[in-house]
N, C-alpha and C. Protein backbone atom coordinates (compact mmCIF):
# COMPACT_ATOMS: atom_id res chain seq x y z
N MET A 1 4.78 -16.37 -10.93
CA MET A 1 4.98 -15.25 -9.99
C MET A 1 4.10 -15.52 -8.77
N ASP A 2 4.69 -15.46 -7.56
CA ASP A 2 3.84 -15.66 -6.42
C ASP A 2 3.16 -14.40 -5.96
N LEU A 3 2.30 -14.54 -4.95
CA LEU A 3 1.46 -13.40 -4.53
C LEU A 3 2.25 -12.21 -4.09
N LEU A 4 3.33 -12.49 -3.31
CA LEU A 4 4.18 -11.37 -2.85
C LEU A 4 4.83 -10.64 -4.02
N GLU A 5 5.28 -11.37 -4.97
CA GLU A 5 5.86 -10.71 -6.19
C GLU A 5 4.87 -9.90 -6.95
N LYS A 6 3.66 -10.38 -7.04
CA LYS A 6 2.55 -9.62 -7.71
C LYS A 6 2.26 -8.34 -6.98
N VAL A 7 2.19 -8.38 -5.65
CA VAL A 7 1.92 -7.19 -4.86
C VAL A 7 3.05 -6.18 -4.98
N GLU A 8 4.33 -6.67 -4.91
CA GLU A 8 5.47 -5.80 -5.09
C GLU A 8 5.47 -5.12 -6.44
N LYS A 9 5.13 -5.88 -7.49
CA LYS A 9 5.05 -5.30 -8.83
C LYS A 9 4.00 -4.23 -8.92
N ALA A 10 2.82 -4.43 -8.27
CA ALA A 10 1.80 -3.42 -8.25
C ALA A 10 2.24 -2.15 -7.46
N LEU A 11 2.87 -2.41 -6.32
CA LEU A 11 3.38 -1.28 -5.54
C LEU A 11 4.45 -0.46 -6.22
N ASN A 12 5.25 -1.15 -7.05
CA ASN A 12 6.32 -0.49 -7.74
C ASN A 12 5.76 0.52 -8.77
N GLN A 13 4.50 0.40 -9.16
CA GLN A 13 3.84 1.37 -10.02
C GLN A 13 3.59 2.67 -9.27
N ILE A 14 3.41 2.59 -8.02
CA ILE A 14 3.04 3.73 -7.18
C ILE A 14 4.23 4.33 -6.43
N ARG A 15 5.25 3.54 -6.20
CA ARG A 15 6.37 3.94 -5.39
C ARG A 15 7.05 5.28 -5.84
N PRO A 16 7.24 5.47 -7.22
CA PRO A 16 7.88 6.70 -7.58
C PRO A 16 7.16 7.96 -7.08
N TYR A 17 5.87 7.94 -6.95
CA TYR A 17 5.06 9.06 -6.46
C TYR A 17 5.28 9.23 -4.99
N LEU A 18 5.32 8.12 -4.26
CA LEU A 18 5.50 8.20 -2.79
C LEU A 18 6.91 8.66 -2.48
N GLU A 19 7.89 8.11 -3.23
CA GLU A 19 9.30 8.50 -3.03
C GLU A 19 9.56 9.94 -3.33
N ALA A 20 8.85 10.49 -4.31
CA ALA A 20 9.01 11.90 -4.66
C ALA A 20 8.67 12.83 -3.50
N ASP A 21 7.78 12.32 -2.60
CA ASP A 21 7.42 13.11 -1.45
C ASP A 21 8.10 12.64 -0.18
N GLY A 22 9.13 11.80 -0.36
CA GLY A 22 9.94 11.36 0.81
C GLY A 22 9.30 10.17 1.54
N GLY A 23 8.44 9.45 0.93
CA GLY A 23 7.81 8.34 1.62
C GLY A 23 7.89 7.02 0.86
N ASN A 24 7.23 6.02 1.36
CA ASN A 24 7.16 4.74 0.71
C ASN A 24 6.16 3.87 1.46
N VAL A 25 5.99 2.66 1.01
CA VAL A 25 5.11 1.71 1.63
C VAL A 25 5.78 0.38 1.67
N ARG A 26 5.56 -0.38 2.77
CA ARG A 26 6.24 -1.67 2.96
C ARG A 26 5.21 -2.73 3.25
N ILE A 27 5.42 -3.88 2.67
CA ILE A 27 4.57 -5.03 2.96
C ILE A 27 5.00 -5.62 4.31
N LEU A 28 4.00 -5.74 5.16
CA LEU A 28 4.30 -6.38 6.50
C LEU A 28 3.92 -7.88 6.47
N GLU A 29 2.76 -8.15 5.78
CA GLU A 29 2.27 -9.50 5.82
C GLU A 29 1.19 -9.72 4.77
N ILE A 30 1.15 -10.90 4.24
CA ILE A 30 -0.01 -11.31 3.41
C ILE A 30 -0.52 -12.56 4.15
N THR A 31 -1.69 -12.51 4.74
CA THR A 31 -2.20 -13.65 5.45
C THR A 31 -2.70 -14.77 4.56
N ASP A 32 -2.91 -15.92 5.16
CA ASP A 32 -3.38 -17.09 4.37
C ASP A 32 -4.78 -16.84 3.77
N ASN A 33 -5.55 -15.94 4.32
CA ASN A 33 -6.88 -15.68 3.80
C ASN A 33 -6.92 -14.42 2.92
N GLY A 34 -5.72 -13.95 2.43
CA GLY A 34 -5.65 -12.95 1.42
C GLY A 34 -5.69 -11.52 1.95
N ILE A 35 -5.35 -11.30 3.18
CA ILE A 35 -5.36 -9.88 3.67
C ILE A 35 -3.93 -9.38 3.63
N LEU A 36 -3.77 -8.24 2.97
CA LEU A 36 -2.46 -7.62 2.81
C LEU A 36 -2.34 -6.54 3.87
N LYS A 37 -1.26 -6.57 4.65
CA LYS A 37 -1.00 -5.57 5.66
C LYS A 37 0.21 -4.73 5.20
N LEU A 38 0.00 -3.46 5.15
CA LEU A 38 1.03 -2.49 4.65
C LEU A 38 1.38 -1.56 5.76
N GLU A 39 2.61 -0.96 5.68
CA GLU A 39 2.99 0.07 6.58
C GLU A 39 3.53 1.25 5.74
N PHE A 40 3.02 2.45 6.04
CA PHE A 40 3.57 3.66 5.39
C PHE A 40 4.87 3.98 6.12
N VAL A 41 5.90 4.33 5.33
CA VAL A 41 7.22 4.68 5.94
C VAL A 41 7.68 6.08 5.39
N GLY A 42 8.67 6.61 6.10
CA GLY A 42 9.11 7.95 5.70
C GLY A 42 8.06 8.98 5.92
N SER A 43 7.98 9.99 5.08
CA SER A 43 7.01 11.04 5.31
C SER A 43 5.55 10.55 5.17
N CYS A 44 5.33 9.38 4.50
CA CYS A 44 4.01 8.84 4.36
C CYS A 44 3.46 8.42 5.71
N GLY A 45 4.32 8.12 6.66
CA GLY A 45 3.83 7.63 7.96
C GLY A 45 3.12 8.65 8.78
N ASN A 46 3.28 9.94 8.50
CA ASN A 46 2.57 10.96 9.29
C ASN A 46 2.00 12.04 8.39
N CYS A 47 1.78 11.72 7.14
CA CYS A 47 1.13 12.68 6.25
C CYS A 47 -0.38 12.67 6.39
N PRO A 48 -1.02 13.79 6.48
CA PRO A 48 -2.48 13.80 6.57
C PRO A 48 -3.17 13.40 5.27
N MET A 49 -2.43 13.31 4.15
CA MET A 49 -3.01 12.86 2.88
C MET A 49 -2.88 11.34 2.72
N SER A 50 -2.26 10.64 3.70
CA SER A 50 -2.01 9.24 3.56
C SER A 50 -3.27 8.42 3.29
N GLU A 51 -4.41 8.79 3.92
CA GLU A 51 -5.63 8.06 3.69
C GLU A 51 -6.06 8.13 2.21
N MET A 52 -6.03 9.30 1.68
CA MET A 52 -6.41 9.49 0.26
C MET A 52 -5.42 8.69 -0.69
N THR A 53 -4.12 8.80 -0.35
CA THR A 53 -3.13 8.10 -1.14
C THR A 53 -3.42 6.58 -1.07
N PHE A 54 -3.73 6.13 0.14
CA PHE A 54 -3.97 4.71 0.31
C PHE A 54 -5.20 4.26 -0.52
N LYS A 55 -6.29 4.97 -0.40
CA LYS A 55 -7.56 4.57 -1.08
C LYS A 55 -7.47 4.75 -2.52
N ALA A 56 -7.08 5.92 -3.00
CA ALA A 56 -7.10 6.22 -4.43
C ALA A 56 -5.95 5.67 -5.25
N GLY A 57 -4.80 5.46 -4.59
CA GLY A 57 -3.63 5.03 -5.30
C GLY A 57 -3.25 3.59 -5.00
N ILE A 58 -2.87 3.33 -3.79
CA ILE A 58 -2.38 1.99 -3.45
C ILE A 58 -3.45 0.89 -3.47
N GLU A 59 -4.55 1.13 -2.78
CA GLU A 59 -5.60 0.13 -2.78
C GLU A 59 -6.17 -0.12 -4.14
N ALA A 60 -6.45 0.93 -4.88
CA ALA A 60 -7.01 0.76 -6.24
C ALA A 60 -6.07 0.01 -7.16
N THR A 61 -4.83 0.27 -7.10
CA THR A 61 -3.83 -0.39 -7.98
C THR A 61 -3.67 -1.82 -7.55
N ILE A 62 -3.59 -2.16 -6.28
CA ILE A 62 -3.47 -3.56 -5.85
C ILE A 62 -4.73 -4.36 -6.20
N ARG A 63 -5.89 -3.78 -6.00
CA ARG A 63 -7.12 -4.52 -6.36
C ARG A 63 -7.21 -4.83 -7.84
N GLN A 64 -6.69 -3.91 -8.63
CA GLN A 64 -6.76 -4.10 -10.13
C GLN A 64 -5.72 -5.13 -10.51
N GLU A 65 -4.51 -5.03 -9.99
CA GLU A 65 -3.40 -5.85 -10.47
C GLU A 65 -3.35 -7.26 -9.74
N VAL A 66 -3.84 -7.34 -8.51
CA VAL A 66 -3.69 -8.58 -7.73
C VAL A 66 -5.12 -8.90 -7.13
N PRO A 67 -6.03 -9.39 -7.98
CA PRO A 67 -7.38 -9.65 -7.45
C PRO A 67 -7.49 -10.71 -6.40
N GLU A 68 -6.38 -11.51 -6.21
CA GLU A 68 -6.36 -12.56 -5.18
C GLU A 68 -6.40 -11.91 -3.75
N ILE A 69 -5.96 -10.69 -3.67
CA ILE A 69 -5.95 -10.00 -2.34
C ILE A 69 -7.38 -9.59 -2.03
N LYS A 70 -7.85 -10.12 -0.87
CA LYS A 70 -9.26 -9.89 -0.44
C LYS A 70 -9.47 -8.56 0.30
N ALA A 71 -8.48 -8.17 1.05
CA ALA A 71 -8.57 -6.93 1.83
C ALA A 71 -7.19 -6.36 2.00
N ILE A 72 -7.14 -5.00 2.17
CA ILE A 72 -5.88 -4.30 2.35
C ILE A 72 -5.94 -3.42 3.61
N GLU A 73 -5.05 -3.60 4.51
CA GLU A 73 -4.98 -2.76 5.68
C GLU A 73 -3.67 -2.01 5.74
N ALA A 74 -3.78 -0.78 6.18
CA ALA A 74 -2.56 0.00 6.48
C ALA A 74 -2.47 0.07 8.00
N VAL A 75 -1.40 -0.41 8.59
CA VAL A 75 -1.34 -0.55 10.04
C VAL A 75 -1.07 0.81 10.75
N ASN A 76 -0.52 1.77 9.99
CA ASN A 76 -0.20 3.10 10.66
C ASN A 76 -0.77 4.20 9.82
N LEU A 77 -1.98 4.05 9.33
CA LEU A 77 -2.63 5.06 8.48
C LEU A 77 -2.95 6.28 9.28
N THR A 78 -2.52 7.44 8.84
CA THR A 78 -2.81 8.77 9.43
C THR A 78 -4.08 9.28 8.75
N THR A 79 -5.06 9.60 9.56
CA THR A 79 -6.28 10.15 8.98
C THR A 79 -6.25 11.68 9.02
N ALA A 80 -6.79 12.30 8.03
CA ALA A 80 -6.83 13.73 7.93
C ALA A 80 -7.63 14.31 9.07
N ILE A 81 -7.19 15.37 9.64
CA ILE A 81 -7.90 16.02 10.74
C ILE A 81 -8.73 17.22 10.22
């Protein structure tokens, strides 16, 4: 299983929760030095809870399931006001 498949498998653990709220997350890029770039889509793209979802759900799951990923960035993360 390659790195992209491992990340997709990890994200698939979280997707049902995102989809239940009308959102999702999409892989934009995995760089050669192990940086994963994600984009929130649907309602996740403008939800004030996106930062918490990213840190507590997505980032934690990927770090646990795919230790080869060195850093995770969300390119359109909405921060709570």
